[in-house]
Amino acid sequence: MSFYIVSCPSCGAGNRIPAEKEGKQGRCGGCKTVLPRMYWRPQQLTDNNFDSFIAGYPGPVLAEFWAPW
């Protein structure tokens, strides 16, 4: 089972998050603060969900744009 360590933005504790919980919101095991959603794989965004994703994501975002022309 793969997992990732996500630091709590409130208390700094490391939280082990299973890889299959990607994109889901959890809580810190220590202080119960809501943890940010984490994505380990690229997310395909569209015109409909790009703005809301960027506005609600607390971490850095690497964007690659492509056009058929």
C-alpha atoms as a PDB file:
ATOM      1  CA  MET A   1       0.000   0.000   0.000  1.00  0.00           C
ATOM      2  CA  SER A   2       1.416   3.365  -1.008  1.00  0.00           C
ATOM      3  CA  PHE A   3       1.037   6.388   1.205  1.00  0.00           C
ATOM      4  CA  TYR A   4       2.199   9.974   1.403  1.00  0.00           C
ATOM      5  CA  ILE A   5       3.035  12.235   4.319  1.00  0.00           C
ATOM      6  CA  VAL A   6       1.007  15.456   4.435  1.00  0.00           C
ATOM      7  CA  SER A   7       1.978  18.136   6.964  1.00  0.00           C
ATOM      8  CA  CYS A   8      -0.832  19.740   8.923  1.00  0.00           C
ATOM      9  CA  PRO A   9      -1.037  23.483   8.183  1.00  0.00           C
ATOM     10  CA  SER A  10      -2.036  24.144  11.806  1.00  0.00           C
ATOM     11  CA  CYS A  11       0.193  22.023  14.063  1.00  0.00           C
ATOM     12  CA  GLY A  12       2.803  20.791  11.566  1.00  0.00           C
ATOM     13  CA  ALA A  13       2.259  17.115  12.366  1.00  0.00           C
ATOM     14  CA  GLY A  14       2.954  14.605   9.606  1.00  0.00           C
ATOM     15  CA  ASN A  15      -0.111  12.622   8.559  1.00  0.00           C
ATOM     16  CA  ARG A  16       0.166   9.378   6.602  1.00  0.00           C
ATOM     17  CA  ILE A  17      -2.382   9.500   3.769  1.00  0.00           C
ATOM     18  CA  PRO A  18      -3.069   6.364   1.679  1.00  0.00           C
ATOM     19  CA  ALA A  19      -2.547   6.936  -2.060  1.00  0.00           C
ATOM     20  CA  GLU A  20      -6.128   5.857  -2.825  1.00  0.00           C
ATOM     21  CA  LYS A  21      -7.427   8.851  -0.824  1.00  0.00           C
ATOM     22  CA  GLU A  22      -6.028  11.247  -3.455  1.00  0.00           C
ATOM     23  CA  GLY A  23      -8.179  14.365  -3.825  1.00  0.00           C
ATOM     24  CA  LYS A  24     -10.208  13.700  -0.667  1.00  0.00           C
ATOM     25  CA  GLN A  25     -10.210  15.948   2.346  1.00  0.00           C
ATOM     26  CA  GLY A  26      -9.131  14.504   5.683  1.00  0.00           C
ATOM     27  CA  ARG A  27      -8.356  15.642   9.208  1.00  0.00           C
ATOM     28  CA  CYS A  28      -5.108  15.844  11.114  1.00  0.00           C
ATOM     29  CA  GLY A  29      -4.641  12.926  13.489  1.00  0.00           C
ATOM     30  CA  GLY A  30      -3.314  15.273  16.175  1.00  0.00           C
ATOM     31  CA  CYS A  31      -5.294  18.508  16.198  1.00  0.00           C
ATOM     32  CA  LYS A  32      -8.237  17.475  13.929  1.00  0.00           C
ATOM     33  CA  THR A  33      -7.716  20.453  11.589  1.00  0.00           C
ATOM     34  CA  VAL A  34      -8.953  19.851   8.035  1.00  0.00           C
ATOM     35  CA  LEU A  35      -6.053  18.854   5.780  1.00  0.00           C
ATOM     36  CA  PRO A  36      -5.750  20.229   2.253  1.00  0.00           C
ATOM     37  CA  ARG A  37      -6.695  17.954  -0.627  1.00  0.00           C
ATOM     38  CA  MET A  38      -3.590  16.521  -2.235  1.00  0.00           C
ATOM     39  CA  TYR A  39      -3.121  15.250  -5.759  1.00  0.00           C
ATOM     40  CA  TRP A  40      -0.202  13.008  -6.713  1.00  0.00           C
ATOM     41  CA  ARG A  41      -1.126  12.597 -10.373  1.00  0.00           C
ATOM     42  CA  PRO A  42      -1.869  15.241 -12.991  1.00  0.00           C
ATOM     43  CA  GLN A  43      -5.468  16.457 -13.051  1.00  0.00           C
ATOM     44  CA  GLN A  44      -7.153  17.223 -16.323  1.00  0.00           C
ATOM     45  CA  LEU A  45      -9.021  20.496 -15.966  1.00  0.00           C
ATOM     46  CA  THR A  46     -11.496  22.097 -18.349  1.00  0.00           C
ATOM     47  CA  ASP A  47     -12.924  25.561 -18.880  1.00  0.00           C
ATOM     48  CA  ASN A  48     -15.704  24.584 -16.477  1.00  0.00           C
ATOM     49  CA  ASN A  49     -13.583  23.546 -13.484  1.00  0.00           C
ATOM     50  CA  PHE A  50     -10.229  25.339 -13.903  1.00  0.00           C
ATOM     51  CA  ASP A  51     -11.045  28.533 -11.980  1.00  0.00           C
ATOM     52  CA  SER A  52     -12.697  26.760  -9.042  1.00  0.00           C
ATOM     53  CA  PHE A  53      -9.861  24.224  -8.762  1.00  0.00           C
ATOM     54  CA  ILE A  54      -7.153  26.911  -8.737  1.00  0.00           C
ATOM     55  CA  ALA A  55      -9.083  29.115  -6.295  1.00  0.00           C
ATOM     56  CA  GLY A  56      -9.623  26.242  -3.844  1.00  0.00           C
ATOM     57  CA  TYR A  57      -6.239  24.518  -4.024  1.00  0.00           C
ATOM     58  CA  PRO A  58      -3.791  25.663  -1.318  1.00  0.00           C
ATOM     59  CA  GLY A  59      -0.592  24.303  -2.836  1.00  0.00           C
ATOM     60  CA  PRO A  60       1.533  25.149  -5.837  1.00  0.00           C
ATOM     61  CA  VAL A  61       0.077  24.316  -9.240  1.00  0.00           C
ATOM     62  CA  LEU A  62       2.016  23.436 -12.371  1.00  0.00           C
ATOM     63  CA  ALA A  63      -0.129  24.049 -15.454  1.00  0.00           C
ATOM     64  CA  GLU A  64       0.543  22.787 -18.963  1.00  0.00           C
ATOM     65  CA  PHE A  65      -1.631  24.184 -21.751  1.00  0.00           C
ATOM     66  CA  TRP A  66      -2.167  22.643 -25.139  1.00  0.00           C
ATOM     67  CA  ALA A  67      -3.997  23.823 -28.239  1.00  0.00           C
ATOM     68  CA  PRO A  68      -4.576  21.968 -31.516  1.00  0.00           C
ATOM     69  CA  TRP A  69      -3.471  24.910 -33.675  1.00  0.00           C
END
